[in-house]
Amino acid sequence: MELTAAEPAQDRRVRRSRAALMQAAVALVTERGTTAIPLSDIAEAADMSRRVVYQHFGDRDTLLLEAGLDLVRQKLLPRIETDTQATARELTLAVSRHFADYRVFYRALLTGSGGFAIDRGLSGLFRPVNRQGIEQVAGDRLDPRLADDLAAVLTGGAGAFITTWVVDGPDPLDPEAFTDRLLHVMSVLMTAIGRAAGKSDAEALR
């Protein structure tokens, strides 16, 4: 009984330690505008030792990658995955605002040594969302493999569009204007997918 009772407490400690380190990483990268931050600084900000950082993440790039992905999981995905009453514009605006709010952090990650890893990780988080959008437009009329490939293309294209905006867009970023641009592009692509699946333009945009 004692062993069973101790395991959940240990799990909670691990989750708290990881959360504290990721929060410290986000705060320091945002403050300094760079990912070139010594692990000792992150550990100190989280009130932990470097040994704990190595135990949980192994190295700085992995910690920063996980911090970036966790930020999306905690702050953004719950909204766009569960708010069934929101319009497409409201959901897209939520994405734009998230990246605008954390622009300094994401820009540092995307232009740092771990840029490819964070880009790939974010694509992995958003691909299922785009896959669902394709299912809504095309139903079961597309071959599943083609639907997966289209989701990958849409996610990669939208990701590149967002990355360019976050990295090179004028200060301050304008989430409203960018949302309109992104929705226009996505509507064109979704219309094409709807046509490929044998639906009318009206059905494809519904």
Protein backbone atom coordinates (compact mmCIF):
# COMPACT_ATOMS: atom_id res chain seq x y z
CA MET A 1 0.00 0.00 0.00
CA GLU A 2 2.79 2.42 0.84
CA LEU A 3 4.45 1.88 -2.57
CA THR A 4 1.19 2.38 -4.42
CA ALA A 5 0.48 5.57 -2.48
CA ALA A 6 3.98 6.93 -3.10
CA GLU A 7 3.91 6.52 -6.88
CA PRO A 8 1.22 9.14 -7.61
CA ALA A 9 3.03 11.64 -5.36
CA GLN A 10 6.25 11.04 -7.31
CA ASP A 11 4.39 11.49 -10.58
CA ARG A 12 3.02 14.80 -9.31
CA ARG A 13 6.50 15.94 -8.32
CA VAL A 14 7.82 15.04 -11.77
CA ARG A 15 5.02 16.96 -13.48
CA ARG A 16 5.56 19.98 -11.23
CA SER A 17 9.30 19.94 -11.87
CA ARG A 18 8.86 19.68 -15.63
CA ALA A 19 6.20 22.42 -15.63
CA ALA A 20 8.41 24.74 -13.57
CA LEU A 21 11.38 24.23 -15.90
CA MET A 22 9.29 24.80 -19.03
CA GLN A 23 7.73 27.94 -17.57
CA ALA A 24 11.18 29.24 -16.64
CA ALA A 25 12.41 28.53 -20.16
CA VAL A 26 9.51 30.45 -21.73
CA ALA A 27 10.03 33.39 -19.38
CA LEU A 28 13.79 33.63 -19.95
CA VAL A 29 13.62 33.25 -23.73
CA THR A 30 10.90 35.90 -23.86
CA GLU A 31 12.90 38.21 -21.61
CA ARG A 32 16.16 37.86 -23.54
CA GLY A 33 14.81 37.25 -27.05
CA THR A 34 17.18 34.36 -27.69
CA THR A 35 17.46 30.63 -27.08
CA ALA A 36 21.16 31.00 -26.23
CA ILE A 37 20.49 30.73 -22.53
CA PRO A 38 22.68 28.63 -20.21
CA LEU A 39 20.90 25.68 -18.64
CA SER A 40 22.14 26.89 -15.28
CA ASP A 41 20.10 30.10 -15.72
CA ILE A 42 16.93 28.14 -16.48
CA ALA A 43 17.55 25.81 -13.54
CA GLU A 44 18.12 28.76 -11.21
CA ALA A 45 14.95 30.51 -12.40
CA ALA A 46 12.99 27.33 -11.66
CA ASP A 47 14.79 26.94 -8.30
CA MET A 48 16.25 23.59 -9.33
CA SER A 49 19.65 22.10 -10.03
CA ARG A 50 21.13 21.47 -13.47
CA ARG A 51 21.05 17.78 -12.63
CA VAL A 52 17.25 17.90 -12.48
CA VAL A 53 17.15 19.58 -15.91
CA TYR A 54 19.30 16.82 -17.40
CA GLN A 55 17.15 14.16 -15.73
CA HIS A 56 13.94 15.50 -17.23
CA PHE A 57 15.04 16.82 -20.61
CA GLY A 58 18.62 15.83 -21.36
CA ASP A 59 19.69 19.10 -22.98
CA ARG A 60 18.62 22.69 -23.58
CA ASP A 61 17.21 22.19 -27.09
CA THR A 62 14.91 19.41 -25.87
CA LEU A 63 13.75 21.55 -22.95
CA LEU A 64 12.97 24.49 -25.25
CA LEU A 65 11.19 22.24 -27.74
CA GLU A 66 9.00 20.75 -25.03
CA ALA A 67 8.34 24.20 -23.57
CA GLY A 68 7.12 25.43 -26.96
CA LEU A 69 4.89 22.44 -27.57
CA ASP A 70 3.53 22.52 -24.02
CA LEU A 71 2.61 26.18 -24.46
CA VAL A 72 0.44 25.26 -27.44
CA ARG A 73 -1.05 22.25 -25.66
CA GLN A 74 -1.96 24.24 -22.56
CA LYS A 75 -2.92 27.63 -23.99
CA LEU A 76 -4.25 27.02 -27.50
CA LEU A 77 -5.30 23.47 -28.37
CA PRO A 78 -8.00 23.21 -25.67
CA ARG A 79 -9.75 26.18 -27.27
CA ILE A 80 -9.62 25.08 -30.89
CA GLU A 81 -10.36 21.42 -30.13
CA THR A 82 -13.27 21.80 -27.72
CA ASP A 83 -15.10 25.02 -28.61
CA THR A 84 -17.68 23.52 -30.95
CA GLN A 85 -19.73 26.74 -31.04
CA ALA A 86 -16.92 28.95 -32.32
CA THR A 87 -16.82 30.05 -35.94
CA ALA A 88 -13.87 29.32 -38.22
CA ARG A 89 -12.80 32.93 -37.90
CA GLU A 90 -12.92 32.86 -34.10
CA LEU A 91 -10.78 29.72 -34.00
CA THR A 92 -8.30 31.05 -36.55
CA LEU A 93 -8.11 34.34 -34.65
CA ALA A 94 -7.34 32.40 -31.48
CA VAL A 95 -4.35 30.85 -33.26
CA SER A 96 -3.17 34.22 -34.55
CA ARG A 97 -3.50 35.85 -31.16
CA HIS A 98 -1.62 33.04 -29.45
CA PHE A 99 1.40 33.42 -31.71
CA ALA A 100 1.22 37.21 -31.49
CA ASP A 101 1.04 37.11 -27.69
CA TYR A 102 4.09 34.84 -27.47
CA ARG A 103 5.83 36.26 -30.51
CA VAL A 104 9.23 36.90 -28.90
CA PHE A 105 9.39 33.35 -27.57
CA TYR A 106 8.33 31.63 -30.80
CA ARG A 107 10.52 33.84 -32.97
CA ALA A 108 13.54 32.92 -30.87
CA LEU A 109 12.69 29.21 -31.14
CA LEU A 110 11.97 29.28 -34.86
CA THR A 111 15.19 31.11 -35.68
CA GLY A 112 17.38 29.26 -33.17
CA SER A 113 19.30 25.99 -33.40
CA GLY A 114 16.14 23.99 -32.72
CA GLY A 115 14.04 25.71 -35.37
CA PHE A 116 13.48 22.60 -37.48
CA ALA A 117 12.47 20.55 -34.44
CA ILE A 118 9.93 23.11 -33.18
CA ASP A 119 8.48 23.54 -36.67
CA ARG A 120 8.08 19.78 -37.00
CA GLY A 121 6.64 19.47 -33.50
CA LEU A 122 4.06 22.19 -34.06
CA SER A 123 3.06 20.58 -37.35
CA GLY A 124 2.44 17.35 -35.49
CA LEU A 125 0.08 19.14 -33.10
CA PHE A 126 -1.92 20.93 -35.79
CA ARG A 127 -2.07 18.20 -38.44
CA PRO A 128 -4.95 16.29 -36.74
CA VAL A 129 -6.94 19.53 -36.53
CA ASN A 130 -6.54 20.13 -40.26
CA ARG A 131 -7.32 16.48 -40.95
CA GLN A 132 -10.67 16.96 -39.23
CA GLY A 133 -11.32 20.04 -41.34
CA ILE A 134 -10.69 18.03 -44.50
CA GLU A 135 -13.11 15.35 -43.29
CA GLN A 136 -15.79 18.01 -42.78
CA VAL A 137 -15.30 19.29 -46.31
CA ALA A 138 -14.81 16.02 -48.17
CA GLY A 139 -16.51 13.46 -45.94
CA ASP A 140 -15.42 9.95 -46.85
CA ARG A 141 -15.08 10.73 -50.56
CA LEU A 142 -11.31 11.03 -50.42
CA ASP A 143 -8.93 8.14 -50.11
CA PRO A 144 -7.64 8.17 -46.48
CA ARG A 145 -4.04 8.36 -47.62
CA LEU A 146 -4.82 11.35 -49.84
CA ALA A 147 -6.65 13.02 -46.95
CA ASP A 148 -3.58 12.50 -44.75
CA ASP A 149 -1.33 13.93 -47.46
CA LEU A 150 -3.58 16.96 -47.89
CA ALA A 151 -3.59 17.54 -44.14
CA ALA A 152 0.22 17.47 -44.18
CA VAL A 153 0.35 19.95 -47.07
CA LEU A 154 -2.19 22.31 -45.46
CA THR A 155 -0.41 22.15 -42.12
CA GLY A 156 3.00 22.73 -43.65
CA GLY A 157 1.78 25.62 -45.77
CA ALA A 158 -0.11 27.31 -42.96
CA GLY A 159 2.85 26.73 -40.65
CA ALA A 160 5.24 28.40 -43.09
CA PHE A 161 2.80 31.31 -43.46
CA ILE A 162 2.56 31.76 -39.68
CA THR A 163 6.32 31.41 -39.24
CA THR A 164 6.99 34.15 -41.79
CA TRP A 165 4.48 36.39 -40.04
CA VAL A 166 5.91 35.76 -36.58
CA VAL A 167 9.54 36.14 -37.65
CA ASP A 168 9.33 38.94 -40.24
CA GLY A 169 5.99 40.66 -39.64
CA PRO A 170 5.93 44.33 -38.60
CA ASP A 171 5.75 45.26 -34.92
CA PRO A 172 3.23 45.01 -33.44
CA LEU A 173 1.65 42.03 -35.14
CA ASP A 174 -1.97 42.45 -36.22
CA PRO A 175 -3.82 39.18 -35.49
CA GLU A 176 -7.07 40.44 -37.03
CA ALA A 177 -5.54 41.29 -40.39
CA PHE A 178 -3.47 38.12 -40.47
CA THR A 179 -6.52 36.01 -39.66
CA ASP A 180 -8.32 37.45 -42.67
CA ARG A 181 -5.35 36.59 -44.91
CA LEU A 182 -5.02 33.07 -43.53
CA LEU A 183 -8.75 32.38 -43.83
CA HIS A 184 -8.74 33.56 -47.44
CA VAL A 185 -5.92 31.18 -48.31
CA MET A 186 -7.51 28.27 -46.44
CA SER A 187 -10.91 28.86 -48.04
CA VAL A 188 -9.36 28.66 -51.51
CA LEU A 189 -7.62 25.42 -50.62
CA MET A 190 -10.68 23.91 -48.98
CA THR A 191 -12.80 24.81 -52.01
CA ALA A 192 -10.34 22.95 -54.21
CA ILE A 193 -10.49 19.95 -51.87
CA GLY A 194 -14.28 20.07 -51.93
CA ARG A 195 -14.24 20.04 -55.73
CA ALA A 196 -11.84 17.14 -55.76
CA ALA A 197 -14.23 15.26 -53.51
CA GLY A 198 -17.13 15.99 -55.86
CA LYS A 199 -18.90 18.66 -53.83
CA SER A 200 -20.17 22.04 -54.91
CA ASP A 201 -18.42 25.26 -53.87
CA ALA A 202 -21.21 26.02 -51.39
CA GLU A 203 -20.91 22.61 -49.79
CA ALA A 204 -17.13 22.85 -49.65
CA LEU A 205 -17.25 26.15 -47.74
CA ARG A 206 -20.08 25.13 -45.39
